[in-house]
Amino acid sequence: MLIDVTDQSFDAEVLKANLPVLIDMWAPWCGPCRMVEPILKKLSDKYQGKVKFCRMNVDENQKTPSQYRVMSIPNMLFIKSGKVIDTAVGAMPEAALQSKVDALLAAK
């Protein structure tokens, strides 16, 4: 399940989360974003209880993407303990995303 996050809820949902977080910066008109969404949903099921999967619509929320210098979408931030551990820009195959999620879990 992907949790929709806004500029207002970002701090509580992402930065203060008890679990590592993958947040996808996306927009409804973005073709590659729509390609990544089913992969993220599948991974969110696989890593349930281990990693929190969120998404933020950049058309409706500009403050947070600007703060994290998101220039193109899809743009995924891998966050642990409130810090960005890794990023991924553009549509990626499932295996590549899974590898990044595994690295997020292993990060200290």
N, C-alpha and C. Protein backbone atom coordinates (compact mmCIF):
# COMPACT_ATOMS: atom_id res chain seq x y z
N MET A 1 0.84 -1.18 0.00
CA MET A 1 0.00 0.00 0.00
C MET A 1 0.89 1.25 0.00
N LEU A 2 0.53 2.19 -0.83
CA LEU A 2 1.24 3.46 -0.88
C LEU A 2 0.45 4.49 -0.07
N ILE A 3 1.10 5.14 0.86
CA ILE A 3 0.46 6.15 1.70
C ILE A 3 0.66 7.50 1.04
N ASP A 4 -0.44 8.21 0.79
CA ASP A 4 -0.35 9.55 0.21
C ASP A 4 0.09 10.54 1.28
N VAL A 5 1.14 11.29 0.98
CA VAL A 5 1.72 12.25 1.92
C VAL A 5 1.62 13.64 1.31
N THR A 6 1.41 14.64 2.15
CA THR A 6 1.36 16.03 1.72
C THR A 6 2.52 16.80 2.35
N ASP A 7 2.68 18.06 1.93
CA ASP A 7 3.69 18.91 2.58
C ASP A 7 3.44 18.97 4.08
N GLN A 8 2.16 19.01 4.47
CA GLN A 8 1.80 19.13 5.88
C GLN A 8 2.08 17.85 6.67
N SER A 9 1.91 16.69 6.05
CA SER A 9 2.08 15.43 6.78
C SER A 9 3.46 14.80 6.60
N PHE A 10 4.32 15.40 5.76
CA PHE A 10 5.62 14.82 5.45
C PHE A 10 6.47 14.58 6.70
N ASP A 11 6.54 15.56 7.56
CA ASP A 11 7.37 15.44 8.76
C ASP A 11 6.95 14.25 9.61
N ALA A 12 5.66 14.16 9.91
CA ALA A 12 5.16 13.08 10.77
C ALA A 12 5.21 11.72 10.08
N GLU A 13 4.81 11.67 8.81
CA GLU A 13 4.70 10.39 8.09
C GLU A 13 6.06 9.84 7.64
N VAL A 14 6.98 10.74 7.30
CA VAL A 14 8.25 10.31 6.69
C VAL A 14 9.44 10.52 7.62
N LEU A 15 9.69 11.76 8.00
CA LEU A 15 10.90 12.05 8.77
C LEU A 15 10.87 11.43 10.17
N LYS A 16 9.69 11.35 10.77
CA LYS A 16 9.59 10.80 12.13
C LYS A 16 9.09 9.35 12.15
N ALA A 17 9.07 8.71 11.00
CA ALA A 17 8.59 7.33 10.92
C ALA A 17 9.51 6.39 11.68
N ASN A 18 8.93 5.36 12.27
CA ASN A 18 9.70 4.34 12.99
C ASN A 18 10.43 3.39 12.04
N LEU A 19 9.94 3.32 10.81
CA LEU A 19 10.51 2.43 9.79
C LEU A 19 11.27 3.25 8.75
N PRO A 20 12.18 2.62 8.01
CA PRO A 20 12.74 3.29 6.84
C PRO A 20 11.61 3.59 5.85
N VAL A 21 11.78 4.65 5.05
CA VAL A 21 10.71 5.09 4.15
C VAL A 21 11.23 5.23 2.73
N LEU A 22 10.44 4.74 1.78
CA LEU A 22 10.64 5.06 0.36
C LEU A 22 9.50 5.98 0.00
N ILE A 23 9.81 7.21 -0.41
CA ILE A 23 8.76 8.13 -0.86
C ILE A 23 8.96 8.42 -2.33
N ASP A 24 7.89 8.25 -3.09
CA ASP A 24 7.88 8.46 -4.54
C ASP A 24 7.28 9.82 -4.83
N MET A 25 8.06 10.71 -5.43
CA MET A 25 7.55 12.00 -5.90
C MET A 25 7.01 11.76 -7.31
N TRP A 26 5.72 12.04 -7.52
CA TRP A 26 5.07 11.67 -8.76
C TRP A 26 4.02 12.72 -9.14
N ALA A 27 3.41 12.53 -10.31
CA ALA A 27 2.27 13.33 -10.76
C ALA A 27 1.39 12.44 -11.64
N PRO A 28 0.08 12.69 -11.63
CA PRO A 28 -0.85 11.84 -12.40
C PRO A 28 -0.58 11.83 -13.91
N TRP A 29 -0.04 12.91 -14.46
CA TRP A 29 0.19 13.02 -15.90
C TRP A 29 1.49 12.35 -16.34
N CYS A 30 2.29 11.87 -15.40
CA CYS A 30 3.63 11.34 -15.68
C CYS A 30 3.56 9.86 -16.04
N GLY A 31 3.85 9.53 -17.30
CA GLY A 31 3.81 8.15 -17.77
C GLY A 31 4.75 7.22 -17.01
N PRO A 32 6.04 7.58 -16.88
CA PRO A 32 6.95 6.72 -16.12
C PRO A 32 6.51 6.52 -14.66
N CYS A 33 5.88 7.54 -14.08
CA CYS A 33 5.37 7.41 -12.70
C CYS A 33 4.31 6.31 -12.64
N ARG A 34 3.45 6.28 -13.64
CA ARG A 34 2.40 5.26 -13.67
C ARG A 34 2.99 3.87 -13.89
N MET A 35 4.14 3.80 -14.58
CA MET A 35 4.81 2.51 -14.78
C MET A 35 5.42 1.99 -13.48
N VAL A 36 5.92 2.89 -12.65
CA VAL A 36 6.58 2.51 -11.40
C VAL A 36 5.57 2.15 -10.30
N GLU A 37 4.39 2.75 -10.35
CA GLU A 37 3.41 2.56 -9.27
C GLU A 37 3.10 1.09 -8.95
N PRO A 38 2.79 0.23 -9.95
CA PRO A 38 2.50 -1.17 -9.60
C PRO A 38 3.71 -1.88 -8.97
N ILE A 39 4.91 -1.50 -9.37
CA ILE A 39 6.11 -2.10 -8.79
C ILE A 39 6.22 -1.70 -7.32
N LEU A 40 5.97 -0.42 -7.04
CA LEU A 40 6.04 0.05 -5.66
C LEU A 40 4.98 -0.61 -4.79
N LYS A 41 3.78 -0.80 -5.35
CA LYS A 41 2.72 -1.47 -4.59
C LYS A 41 3.12 -2.91 -4.28
N LYS A 42 3.71 -3.58 -5.25
CA LYS A 42 4.15 -4.97 -5.05
C LYS A 42 5.24 -5.03 -3.97
N LEU A 43 6.21 -4.13 -4.05
CA LEU A 43 7.29 -4.10 -3.06
C LEU A 43 6.76 -3.73 -1.68
N SER A 44 5.75 -2.85 -1.64
CA SER A 44 5.19 -2.46 -0.34
C SER A 44 4.54 -3.66 0.35
N ASP A 45 3.95 -4.55 -0.43
CA ASP A 45 3.39 -5.79 0.14
C ASP A 45 4.52 -6.70 0.63
N LYS A 46 5.57 -6.81 -0.17
CA LYS A 46 6.69 -7.69 0.16
C LYS A 46 7.42 -7.23 1.44
N TYR A 47 7.56 -5.92 1.60
CA TYR A 47 8.31 -5.37 2.74
C TYR A 47 7.39 -4.82 3.83
N GLN A 48 6.15 -5.26 3.86
CA GLN A 48 5.19 -4.78 4.85
C GLN A 48 5.74 -4.98 6.26
N GLY A 49 5.68 -3.93 7.07
CA GLY A 49 6.19 -3.99 8.44
C GLY A 49 7.68 -3.75 8.55
N LYS A 50 8.37 -3.63 7.39
CA LYS A 50 9.82 -3.39 7.39
C LYS A 50 10.17 -2.03 6.79
N VAL A 51 9.44 -1.65 5.74
CA VAL A 51 9.66 -0.38 5.06
C VAL A 51 8.31 0.26 4.80
N LYS A 52 8.24 1.57 5.01
CA LYS A 52 7.01 2.32 4.76
C LYS A 52 7.11 2.91 3.35
N PHE A 53 6.09 2.69 2.53
CA PHE A 53 6.06 3.18 1.16
C PHE A 53 5.06 4.33 1.06
N CYS A 54 5.54 5.49 0.64
CA CYS A 54 4.70 6.68 0.53
C CYS A 54 4.85 7.28 -0.86
N ARG A 55 3.93 8.18 -1.18
CA ARG A 55 4.05 8.94 -2.43
C ARG A 55 3.53 10.34 -2.20
N MET A 56 4.07 11.29 -2.97
CA MET A 56 3.65 12.67 -2.88
C MET A 56 3.40 13.21 -4.28
N ASN A 57 2.21 13.75 -4.49
CA ASN A 57 1.86 14.38 -5.76
C ASN A 57 2.54 15.75 -5.81
N VAL A 58 3.49 15.91 -6.72
CA VAL A 58 4.27 17.15 -6.79
C VAL A 58 3.47 18.32 -7.34
N ASP A 59 2.37 18.04 -8.03
CA ASP A 59 1.51 19.13 -8.51
C ASP A 59 0.75 19.78 -7.36
N GLU A 60 0.39 18.98 -6.37
CA GLU A 60 -0.39 19.47 -5.23
C GLU A 60 0.48 19.90 -4.05
N ASN A 61 1.73 19.48 -4.05
CA ASN A 61 2.65 19.78 -2.95
C ASN A 61 3.99 20.20 -3.53
N GLN A 62 4.29 21.49 -3.48
CA GLN A 62 5.55 21.96 -4.07
C GLN A 62 6.67 22.19 -3.05
N LYS A 63 6.31 22.42 -1.80
CA LYS A 63 7.31 22.78 -0.79
C LYS A 63 8.34 21.66 -0.57
N THR A 64 7.87 20.46 -0.30
CA THR A 64 8.78 19.36 0.00
C THR A 64 9.65 18.98 -1.20
N PRO A 65 9.07 18.79 -2.40
CA PRO A 65 9.93 18.48 -3.55
C PRO A 65 11.00 19.55 -3.79
N SER A 66 10.63 20.82 -3.60
CA SER A 66 11.59 21.90 -3.77
C SER A 66 12.70 21.81 -2.72
N GLN A 67 12.32 21.52 -1.50
CA GLN A 67 13.27 21.39 -0.40
C GLN A 67 14.29 20.28 -0.67
N TYR A 68 13.84 19.20 -1.31
CA TYR A 68 14.72 18.07 -1.61
C TYR A 68 15.26 18.12 -3.05
N ARG A 69 15.11 19.26 -3.69
CA ARG A 69 15.64 19.52 -5.04
C ARG A 69 15.18 18.48 -6.07
N VAL A 70 13.91 18.14 -6.01
CA VAL A 70 13.34 17.21 -6.99
C VAL A 70 13.09 17.99 -8.28
N MET A 71 13.83 17.64 -9.33
CA MET A 71 13.74 18.35 -10.60
C MET A 71 12.99 17.55 -11.66
N SER A 72 12.96 16.23 -11.52
CA SER A 72 12.24 15.40 -12.48
C SER A 72 11.58 14.25 -11.72
N ILE A 73 10.57 13.69 -12.34
CA ILE A 73 9.82 12.60 -11.71
C ILE A 73 9.70 11.43 -12.68
N PRO A 74 9.49 10.22 -12.20
CA PRO A 74 9.45 9.86 -10.78
C PRO A 74 10.81 10.04 -10.12
N ASN A 75 10.75 10.44 -8.86
CA ASN A 75 11.95 10.64 -8.07
C ASN A 75 11.69 10.01 -6.71
N MET A 76 12.45 8.99 -6.39
CA MET A 76 12.23 8.28 -5.13
C MET A 76 13.34 8.60 -4.15
N LEU A 77 12.93 8.95 -2.93
CA LEU A 77 13.87 9.22 -1.85
C LEU A 77 13.81 8.04 -0.88
N PHE A 78 14.96 7.55 -0.50
CA PHE A 78 15.06 6.46 0.46
C PHE A 78 15.54 7.07 1.77
N ILE A 79 14.67 7.09 2.77
CA ILE A 79 14.92 7.83 4.01
C ILE A 79 14.94 6.90 5.21
N LYS A 80 15.95 7.09 6.05
CA LYS A 80 16.06 6.31 7.29
C LYS A 80 16.44 7.27 8.41
N SER A 81 15.70 7.21 9.51
CA SER A 81 15.94 8.08 10.67
C SER A 81 15.97 9.55 10.26
N GLY A 82 15.08 9.93 9.33
CA GLY A 82 14.95 11.32 8.92
C GLY A 82 15.99 11.80 7.92
N LYS A 83 16.90 10.91 7.49
CA LYS A 83 17.95 11.31 6.55
C LYS A 83 17.82 10.56 5.23
N VAL A 84 18.07 11.28 4.13
CA VAL A 84 18.04 10.66 2.81
C VAL A 84 19.30 9.81 2.65
N ILE A 85 19.08 8.51 2.45
CA ILE A 85 20.18 7.55 2.30
C ILE A 85 20.54 7.38 0.82
N ASP A 86 19.50 7.46 -0.04
CA ASP A 86 19.70 7.22 -1.47
C ASP A 86 18.55 7.86 -2.23
N THR A 87 18.72 8.02 -3.53
CA THR A 87 17.66 8.51 -4.40
C THR A 87 17.65 7.68 -5.68
N ALA A 88 16.53 7.73 -6.37
CA ALA A 88 16.43 7.08 -7.68
C ALA A 88 15.54 7.96 -8.55
N VAL A 89 16.02 8.29 -9.73
CA VAL A 89 15.27 9.15 -10.64
C VAL A 89 14.92 8.36 -11.89
N GLY A 90 13.65 8.45 -12.29
CA GLY A 90 13.20 7.76 -13.50
C GLY A 90 12.63 6.39 -13.18
N ALA A 91 11.96 5.83 -14.18
CA ALA A 91 11.37 4.49 -14.02
C ALA A 91 12.50 3.47 -13.93
N MET A 92 12.37 2.56 -12.99
CA MET A 92 13.39 1.53 -12.78
C MET A 92 12.72 0.17 -12.76
N PRO A 93 13.42 -0.88 -13.18
CA PRO A 93 12.86 -2.22 -13.09
C PRO A 93 12.74 -2.65 -11.62
N GLU A 94 11.87 -3.61 -11.40
CA GLU A 94 11.60 -4.08 -10.04
C GLU A 94 12.87 -4.52 -9.31
N ALA A 95 13.74 -5.27 -9.99
CA ALA A 95 14.96 -5.79 -9.35
C ALA A 95 15.85 -4.65 -8.86
N ALA A 96 15.96 -3.58 -9.64
CA ALA A 96 16.80 -2.44 -9.25
C ALA A 96 16.21 -1.73 -8.04
N LEU A 97 14.90 -1.54 -8.04
CA LEU A 97 14.25 -0.90 -6.89
C LEU A 97 14.37 -1.78 -5.64
N GLN A 98 14.18 -3.07 -5.82
CA GLN A 98 14.28 -3.99 -4.69
C GLN A 98 15.69 -3.94 -4.09
N SER A 99 16.69 -3.85 -4.93
CA SER A 99 18.07 -3.75 -4.47
C SER A 99 18.28 -2.49 -3.63
N LYS A 100 17.68 -1.38 -4.06
CA LYS A 100 17.79 -0.13 -3.32
C LYS A 100 17.05 -0.21 -1.98
N VAL A 101 15.91 -0.89 -1.97
CA VAL A 101 15.16 -1.07 -0.71
C VAL A 101 15.98 -1.94 0.25
N ASP A 102 16.60 -2.99 -0.26
CA ASP A 102 17.45 -3.84 0.57
C ASP A 102 18.61 -3.03 1.16
N ALA A 103 19.20 -2.16 0.35
CA ALA A 103 20.30 -1.31 0.83
C ALA A 103 19.80 -0.34 1.90
N LEU A 104 18.59 0.16 1.73
CA LEU A 104 17.99 1.05 2.73
C LEU A 104 17.84 0.32 4.06
N LEU A 105 17.37 -0.90 4.01
CA LEU A 105 17.22 -1.70 5.23
C LEU A 105 18.57 -1.96 5.90
N ALA A 106 19.60 -2.16 5.11
CA ALA A 106 20.92 -2.47 5.65
C ALA A 106 21.67 -1.23 6.14
N ALA A 107 21.23 -0.04 5.72
CA ALA A 107 21.93 1.20 6.08
C ALA A 107 21.90 1.42 7.59
N LYS A 108 22.98 1.95 8.09
CA LYS A 108 23.08 2.23 9.54
C LYS A 108 22.57 3.61 9.85
